[in-house]
All heavy atoms as atom14 arrays in JSON, in Angstrom:
{
  "sequence": "RGPGRKRLFTEIAAGQIGRRAPGGRITEYPLP",
  "atom14_mask": [
    [1, 1, 1, 1, 1, 1, 1, 1, 1, 1, 1, 0, 0, 0],
    [1, 1, 1, 1, 0, 0, 0, 0, 0, 0, 0, 0, 0, 0],
    [1, 1, 1, 1, 1, 1, 1, 0, 0, 0, 0, 0, 0, 0],
    [1, 1, 1, 1, 0, 0, 0, 0, 0, 0, 0, 0, 0, 0],
    [1, 1, 1, 1, 1, 1, 1, 1, 1, 1, 1, 0, 0, 0],
    [1, 1, 1, 1, 1, 1, 1, 1, 1, 0, 0, 0, 0, 0],
    [1, 1, 1, 1, 1, 1, 1, 1, 1, 1, 1, 0, 0, 0],
    [1, 1, 1, 1, 1, 1, 1, 1, 0, 0, 0, 0, 0, 0],
    [1, 1, 1, 1, 1, 1, 1, 1, 1, 1, 1, 0, 0, 0],
    [1, 1, 1, 1, 1, 1, 1, 0, 0, 0, 0, 0, 0, 0],
    [1, 1, 1, 1, 1, 1, 1, 1, 1, 0, 0, 0, 0, 0],
    [1, 1, 1, 1, 1, 1, 1, 1, 0, 0, 0, 0, 0, 0],
    [1, 1, 1, 1, 1, 0, 0, 0, 0, 0, 0, 0, 0, 0],
    [1, 1, 1, 1, 1, 0, 0, 0, 0, 0, 0, 0, 0, 0],
    [1, 1, 1, 1, 0, 0, 0, 0, 0, 0, 0, 0, 0, 0],
    [1, 1, 1, 1, 1, 1, 1, 1, 1, 0, 0, 0, 0, 0],
    [1, 1, 1, 1, 1, 1, 1, 1, 0, 0, 0, 0, 0, 0],
    [1, 1, 1, 1, 0, 0, 0, 0, 0, 0, 0, 0, 0, 0],
    [1, 1, 1, 1, 1, 1, 1, 1, 1, 1, 1, 0, 0, 0],
    [1, 1, 1, 1, 1, 1, 1, 1, 1, 1, 1, 0, 0, 0],
    [1, 1, 1, 1, 1, 0, 0, 0, 0, 0, 0, 0, 0, 0],
    [1, 1, 1, 1, 1, 1, 1, 0, 0, 0, 0, 0, 0, 0],
    [1, 1, 1, 1, 0, 0, 0, 0, 0, 0, 0, 0, 0, 0],
    [1, 1, 1, 1, 0, 0, 0, 0, 0, 0, 0, 0, 0, 0],
    [1, 1, 1, 1, 1, 1, 1, 1, 1, 1, 1, 0, 0, 0],
    [1, 1, 1, 1, 1, 1, 1, 1, 0, 0, 0, 0, 0, 0],
    [1, 1, 1, 1, 1, 1, 1, 0, 0, 0, 0, 0, 0, 0],
    [1, 1, 1, 1, 1, 1, 1, 1, 1, 0, 0, 0, 0, 0],
    [1, 1, 1, 1, 1, 1, 1, 1, 1, 1, 1, 1, 0, 0],
    [1, 1, 1, 1, 1, 1, 1, 0, 0, 0, 0, 0, 0, 0],
    [1, 1, 1, 1, 1, 1, 1, 1, 0, 0, 0, 0, 0, 0],
    [1, 1, 1, 1, 1, 1, 1, 0, 0, 0, 0, 0, 0, 0]
  ],
  "atom14_positions": [
    [[-32.17, -19.08, 61.94], [-33.36, -18.76, 61.22], [-33.02, -18.16, 59.91], [-32.32, -17.18, 59.81], [-34.27, -17.84, 62.05], [-35.58, -17.66, 61.48], [-36.5, -16.81, 62.36], [-36.61, -17.33, 63.75], [-37.38, -18.29, 64.13], [-38.18, -18.93, 63.35], [-37.47, -18.65, 65.43], [0.0, 0.0, 0.0], [0.0, 0.0, 0.0], [0.0, 0.0, 0.0]],
    [[-33.55, -18.74, 58.84], [-33.38, -18.21, 57.43], [-34.54, -17.43, 57.04], [-35.46, -17.06, 57.87], [0.0, 0.0, 0.0], [0.0, 0.0, 0.0], [0.0, 0.0, 0.0], [0.0, 0.0, 0.0], [0.0, 0.0, 0.0], [0.0, 0.0, 0.0], [0.0, 0.0, 0.0], [0.0, 0.0, 0.0], [0.0, 0.0, 0.0], [0.0, 0.0, 0.0]],
    [[-34.57, -17.06, 55.8], [-35.69, -16.15, 55.34], [-37.05, -16.93, 55.34], [-37.08, -18.13, 55.28], [-35.28, -15.91, 53.87], [-34.16, -16.85, 53.51], [-33.58, -17.3, 54.73], [0.0, 0.0, 0.0], [0.0, 0.0, 0.0], [0.0, 0.0, 0.0], [0.0, 0.0, 0.0], [0.0, 0.0, 0.0], [0.0, 0.0, 0.0], [0.0, 0.0, 0.0]],
    [[-38.07, -16.16, 55.55], [-39.38, -16.75, 55.56], [-39.66, -17.59, 56.85], [-40.41, -18.51, 56.8], [0.0, 0.0, 0.0], [0.0, 0.0, 0.0], [0.0, 0.0, 0.0], [0.0, 0.0, 0.0], [0.0, 0.0, 0.0], [0.0, 0.0, 0.0], [0.0, 0.0, 0.0], [0.0, 0.0, 0.0], [0.0, 0.0, 0.0], [0.0, 0.0, 0.0]],
    [[-38.9, -17.26, 57.92], [-39.03, -17.96, 59.2], [-38.63, -19.49, 59.13], [-39.25, -20.28, 59.87], [-40.34, -17.79, 59.85], [-40.71, -16.32, 60.03], [-41.95, -16.13, 60.85], [-42.12, -16.94, 62.02], [-41.58, -16.69, 63.19], [-40.88, -15.67, 63.44], [-41.81, -17.56, 64.19], [0.0, 0.0, 0.0], [0.0, 0.0, 0.0], [0.0, 0.0, 0.0]],
    [[-37.84, -19.83, 58.11], [-37.34, -21.2, 58.0], [-36.09, -21.33, 58.92], [-35.3, -20.42, 58.99], [-37.07, -21.51, 56.61], [-38.3, -21.51, 55.73], [-37.95, -21.75, 54.25], [-39.27, -21.61, 53.4], [-38.96, -21.67, 52.02], [0.0, 0.0, 0.0], [0.0, 0.0, 0.0], [0.0, 0.0, 0.0], [0.0, 0.0, 0.0], [0.0, 0.0, 0.0]],
    [[-36.02, -22.5, 59.55], [-34.82, -22.77, 60.27], [-33.8, -23.57, 59.42], [-34.11, -24.59, 58.77], [-35.19, -23.71, 61.43], [-35.86, -22.96, 62.6], [-34.78, -22.43, 63.53], [-35.51, -21.75, 64.55], [-34.87, -20.86, 65.34], [-33.57, -20.5, 65.21], [-35.5, -20.24, 66.32], [0.0, 0.0, 0.0], [0.0, 0.0, 0.0], [0.0, 0.0, 0.0]],
    [[-32.57, -23.15, 59.46], [-31.52, -23.78, 58.79], [-30.68, -24.53, 59.84], [-30.46, -23.95, 60.97], [-30.63, -22.83, 58.07], [-31.28, -22.07, 56.95], [-30.47, -20.92, 56.47], [-31.69, -22.94, 55.81], [0.0, 0.0, 0.0], [0.0, 0.0, 0.0], [0.0, 0.0, 0.0], [0.0, 0.0, 0.0], [0.0, 0.0, 0.0], [0.0, 0.0, 0.0]],
    [[-30.22, -25.73, 59.6], [-29.4, -26.39, 60.56], [-28.33, -27.29, 59.84], [-28.51, -27.74, 58.67], [-30.24, -27.22, 61.45], [-31.14, -28.21, 60.85], [-30.76, -29.53, 60.65], [-32.43, -27.9, 60.47], [-31.58, -30.48, 60.03], [-33.31, -28.78, 59.86], [-32.88, -30.08, 59.65], [0.0, 0.0, 0.0], [0.0, 0.0, 0.0], [0.0, 0.0, 0.0]],
    [[-27.31, -27.5, 60.53], [-26.23, -28.46, 59.99], [-26.49, -29.88, 60.44], [-26.82, -30.06, 61.61], [-24.84, -28.07, 60.39], [-24.64, -28.0, 61.76], [-24.52, -26.64, 59.84], [0.0, 0.0, 0.0], [0.0, 0.0, 0.0], [0.0, 0.0, 0.0], [0.0, 0.0, 0.0], [0.0, 0.0, 0.0], [0.0, 0.0, 0.0], [0.0, 0.0, 0.0]],
    [[-26.19, -30.88, 59.64], [-26.19, -32.24, 59.98], [-24.71, -32.67, 59.83], [-24.31, -33.14, 58.81], [-27.09, -33.06, 59.15], [-28.54, -32.66, 59.44], [-29.48, -33.52, 58.59], [-29.85, -34.61, 59.1], [-29.92, -33.1, 57.55], [0.0, 0.0, 0.0], [0.0, 0.0, 0.0], [0.0, 0.0, 0.0], [0.0, 0.0, 0.0], [0.0, 0.0, 0.0]],
    [[-23.96, -32.46, 60.92], [-22.51, -32.63, 60.87], [-22.03, -33.99, 60.37], [-21.3, -34.13, 59.45], [-21.88, -32.31, 62.25], [-22.13, -30.84, 62.69], [-20.36, -32.64, 62.25], [-21.81, -30.5, 64.08], [0.0, 0.0, 0.0], [0.0, 0.0, 0.0], [0.0, 0.0, 0.0], [0.0, 0.0, 0.0], [0.0, 0.0, 0.0], [0.0, 0.0, 0.0]],
    [[-22.56, -35.02, 61.08], [-22.13, -36.42, 60.6], [-22.61, -36.88, 59.26], [-22.05, -37.66, 58.58], [-22.53, -37.37, 61.66], [0.0, 0.0, 0.0], [0.0, 0.0, 0.0], [0.0, 0.0, 0.0], [0.0, 0.0, 0.0], [0.0, 0.0, 0.0], [0.0, 0.0, 0.0], [0.0, 0.0, 0.0], [0.0, 0.0, 0.0], [0.0, 0.0, 0.0]],
    [[-23.79, -36.24, 58.77], [-24.43, -36.64, 57.59], [-23.85, -35.92, 56.38], [-24.07, -36.16, 55.26], [-25.95, -36.52, 57.66], [0.0, 0.0, 0.0], [0.0, 0.0, 0.0], [0.0, 0.0, 0.0], [0.0, 0.0, 0.0], [0.0, 0.0, 0.0], [0.0, 0.0, 0.0], [0.0, 0.0, 0.0], [0.0, 0.0, 0.0], [0.0, 0.0, 0.0]],
    [[-23.09, -34.74, 56.68], [-22.54, -33.9, 55.64], [-23.65, -33.2, 54.82], [-23.57, -33.13, 53.54], [0.0, 0.0, 0.0], [0.0, 0.0, 0.0], [0.0, 0.0, 0.0], [0.0, 0.0, 0.0], [0.0, 0.0, 0.0], [0.0, 0.0, 0.0], [0.0, 0.0, 0.0], [0.0, 0.0, 0.0], [0.0, 0.0, 0.0], [0.0, 0.0, 0.0]],
    [[-24.67, -32.68, 55.51], [-25.67, -31.9, 54.79], [-26.23, -30.78, 55.62], [-25.98, -30.76, 56.82], [-26.75, -32.82, 54.27], [-27.43, -33.72, 55.3], [-28.28, -34.8, 54.65], [-28.2, -35.18, 53.53], [-29.23, -35.31, 55.5], [0.0, 0.0, 0.0], [0.0, 0.0, 0.0], [0.0, 0.0, 0.0], [0.0, 0.0, 0.0], [0.0, 0.0, 0.0]],
    [[-26.99, -29.96, 54.97], [-27.68, -28.88, 55.59], [-29.17, -29.09, 55.52], [-29.72, -29.6, 54.49], [-27.33, -27.47, 54.86], [-25.86, -27.31, 54.85], [-28.1, -26.32, 55.53], [-25.25, -27.21, 56.18], [0.0, 0.0, 0.0], [0.0, 0.0, 0.0], [0.0, 0.0, 0.0], [0.0, 0.0, 0.0], [0.0, 0.0, 0.0], [0.0, 0.0, 0.0]],
    [[-29.9, -28.83, 56.53], [-31.38, -28.91, 56.57], [-32.06, -27.65, 56.65], [-31.5, -26.7, 57.23], [0.0, 0.0, 0.0], [0.0, 0.0, 0.0], [0.0, 0.0, 0.0], [0.0, 0.0, 0.0], [0.0, 0.0, 0.0], [0.0, 0.0, 0.0], [0.0, 0.0, 0.0], [0.0, 0.0, 0.0], [0.0, 0.0, 0.0], [0.0, 0.0, 0.0]],
    [[-33.3, -27.56, 56.07], [-34.14, -26.45, 56.27], [-35.52, -26.88, 56.78], [-36.09, -27.76, 56.17], [-34.33, -25.71, 54.88], [-35.17, -24.45, 54.97], [-35.3, -23.81, 53.68], [-34.05, -23.27, 53.26], [-33.82, -23.08, 51.98], [-34.71, -23.25, 51.0], [-32.63, -22.58, 51.63], [0.0, 0.0, 0.0], [0.0, 0.0, 0.0], [0.0, 0.0, 0.0]],
    [[-35.96, -26.3, 57.86], [-37.22, -26.69, 58.38], [-38.23, -25.55, 58.16], [-37.97, -24.34, 58.67], [-37.18, -26.95, 59.88], [-38.44, -27.43, 60.49], [-38.28, -27.66, 62.05], [-39.5, -27.86, 62.65], [-40.32, -26.89, 63.12], [-39.92, -25.63, 63.02], [-41.4, -27.15, 63.73], [0.0, 0.0, 0.0], [0.0, 0.0, 0.0], [0.0, 0.0, 0.0]],
    [[-39.33, -25.78, 57.47], [-40.36, -24.76, 57.18], [-41.19, -24.58, 58.4], [-41.23, -25.49, 59.27], [-41.1, -25.18, 56.0], [0.0, 0.0, 0.0], [0.0, 0.0, 0.0], [0.0, 0.0, 0.0], [0.0, 0.0, 0.0], [0.0, 0.0, 0.0], [0.0, 0.0, 0.0], [0.0, 0.0, 0.0], [0.0, 0.0, 0.0], [0.0, 0.0, 0.0]],
    [[-41.85, -23.52, 58.56], [-42.78, -23.24, 59.76], [-43.77, -24.34, 60.05], [-44.05, -24.68, 61.15], [-43.49, -21.93, 59.38], [-42.5, -21.21, 58.45], [-41.88, -22.26, 57.69], [0.0, 0.0, 0.0], [0.0, 0.0, 0.0], [0.0, 0.0, 0.0], [0.0, 0.0, 0.0], [0.0, 0.0, 0.0], [0.0, 0.0, 0.0], [0.0, 0.0, 0.0]],
    [[-44.2, -25.0, 58.98], [-45.2, -26.15, 59.19], [-44.52, -27.39, 59.61], [-45.16, -28.4, 59.85], [0.0, 0.0, 0.0], [0.0, 0.0, 0.0], [0.0, 0.0, 0.0], [0.0, 0.0, 0.0], [0.0, 0.0, 0.0], [0.0, 0.0, 0.0], [0.0, 0.0, 0.0], [0.0, 0.0, 0.0], [0.0, 0.0, 0.0], [0.0, 0.0, 0.0]],
    [[-43.18, -27.48, 59.69], [-42.48, -28.66, 60.07], [-41.83, -29.38, 58.96], [-41.03, -30.37, 59.2], [0.0, 0.0, 0.0], [0.0, 0.0, 0.0], [0.0, 0.0, 0.0], [0.0, 0.0, 0.0], [0.0, 0.0, 0.0], [0.0, 0.0, 0.0], [0.0, 0.0, 0.0], [0.0, 0.0, 0.0], [0.0, 0.0, 0.0], [0.0, 0.0, 0.0]],
    [[-42.04, -29.16, 57.7], [-41.52, -29.83, 56.63], [-39.99, -29.56, 56.55], [-39.5, -28.44, 56.61], [-42.1, -29.42, 55.28], [-41.54, -30.13, 54.14], [-42.31, -29.82, 52.85], [-41.65, -30.5, 51.75], [-41.2, -29.97, 50.67], [-41.29, -28.66, 50.51], [-40.67, -30.65, 49.75], [0.0, 0.0, 0.0], [0.0, 0.0, 0.0], [0.0, 0.0, 0.0]],
    [[-39.18, -30.69, 56.43], [-37.78, -30.58, 56.43], [-37.27, -30.88, 55.05], [-37.64, -31.98, 54.44], [-37.15, -31.51, 57.43], [-37.47, -30.97, 58.83], [-35.67, -31.61, 57.21], [-36.96, -31.73, 60.0], [0.0, 0.0, 0.0], [0.0, 0.0, 0.0], [0.0, 0.0, 0.0], [0.0, 0.0, 0.0], [0.0, 0.0, 0.0], [0.0, 0.0, 0.0]],
    [[-36.38, -30.07, 54.46], [-35.67, -30.3, 53.33], [-34.22, -30.36, 53.57], [-33.65, -29.5, 54.33], [-35.94, -29.11, 52.26], [-37.35, -29.0, 52.11], [-35.34, -29.46, 50.87], [0.0, 0.0, 0.0], [0.0, 0.0, 0.0], [0.0, 0.0, 0.0], [0.0, 0.0, 0.0], [0.0, 0.0, 0.0], [0.0, 0.0, 0.0], [0.0, 0.0, 0.0]],
    [[-33.54, -31.38, 53.02], [-32.1, -31.61, 53.26], [-31.34, -31.34, 51.91], [-31.77, -31.84, 50.95], [-31.89, -33.0, 53.82], [-32.51, -33.13, 55.2], [-32.42, -34.53, 55.78], [-32.81, -35.44, 55.05], [-32.04, -34.63, 56.96], [0.0, 0.0, 0.0], [0.0, 0.0, 0.0], [0.0, 0.0, 0.0], [0.0, 0.0, 0.0], [0.0, 0.0, 0.0]],
    [[-30.17, -30.77, 52.15], [-29.24, -30.47, 50.99], [-27.99, -31.13, 51.23], [-27.12, -30.7, 52.03], [-29.06, -28.94, 50.9], [-30.36, -28.19, 50.76], [-31.01, -27.6, 51.82], [-31.0, -28.11, 49.48], [-32.17, -26.97, 51.68], [-32.18, -27.43, 49.34], [-32.76, -26.83, 50.44], [-33.94, -26.14, 50.29], [0.0, 0.0, 0.0], [0.0, 0.0, 0.0]],
    [[-27.72, -32.25, 50.61], [-26.4, -32.98, 50.73], [-25.3, -32.11, 50.13], [-25.49, -31.45, 49.09], [-26.55, -34.23, 49.87], [-28.05, -34.4, 49.65], [-28.61, -32.98, 49.74], [0.0, 0.0, 0.0], [0.0, 0.0, 0.0], [0.0, 0.0, 0.0], [0.0, 0.0, 0.0], [0.0, 0.0, 0.0], [0.0, 0.0, 0.0], [0.0, 0.0, 0.0]],
    [[-24.18, -32.08, 50.85], [-22.98, -31.38, 50.35], [-22.22, -32.24, 49.36], [-22.37, -33.51, 49.44], [-22.03, -30.96, 51.51], [-22.78, -30.07, 52.51], [-21.83, -29.77, 53.74], [-23.19, -28.69, 51.88], [0.0, 0.0, 0.0], [0.0, 0.0, 0.0], [0.0, 0.0, 0.0], [0.0, 0.0, 0.0], [0.0, 0.0, 0.0], [0.0, 0.0, 0.0]],
    [[-21.45, -31.6, 48.42], [-20.7, -32.43, 47.46], [-19.79, -33.44, 48.17], [-19.61, -34.54, 47.62], [-19.93, -31.39, 46.68], [-20.72, -30.1, 46.74], [-21.34, -30.18, 48.18], [0.0, 0.0, 0.0], [0.0, 0.0, 0.0], [0.0, 0.0, 0.0], [0.0, 0.0, 0.0], [0.0, 0.0, 0.0], [0.0, 0.0, 0.0], [0.0, 0.0, 0.0]]
  ]
}
């Protein structure tokens, strides 16, 4: 759980991090 009650998660095979907002919106951050 990150700030503002957002969930952070790893996407191991995809090489990125995701953030899920309380309303369900998911933002993904690709790693270099």
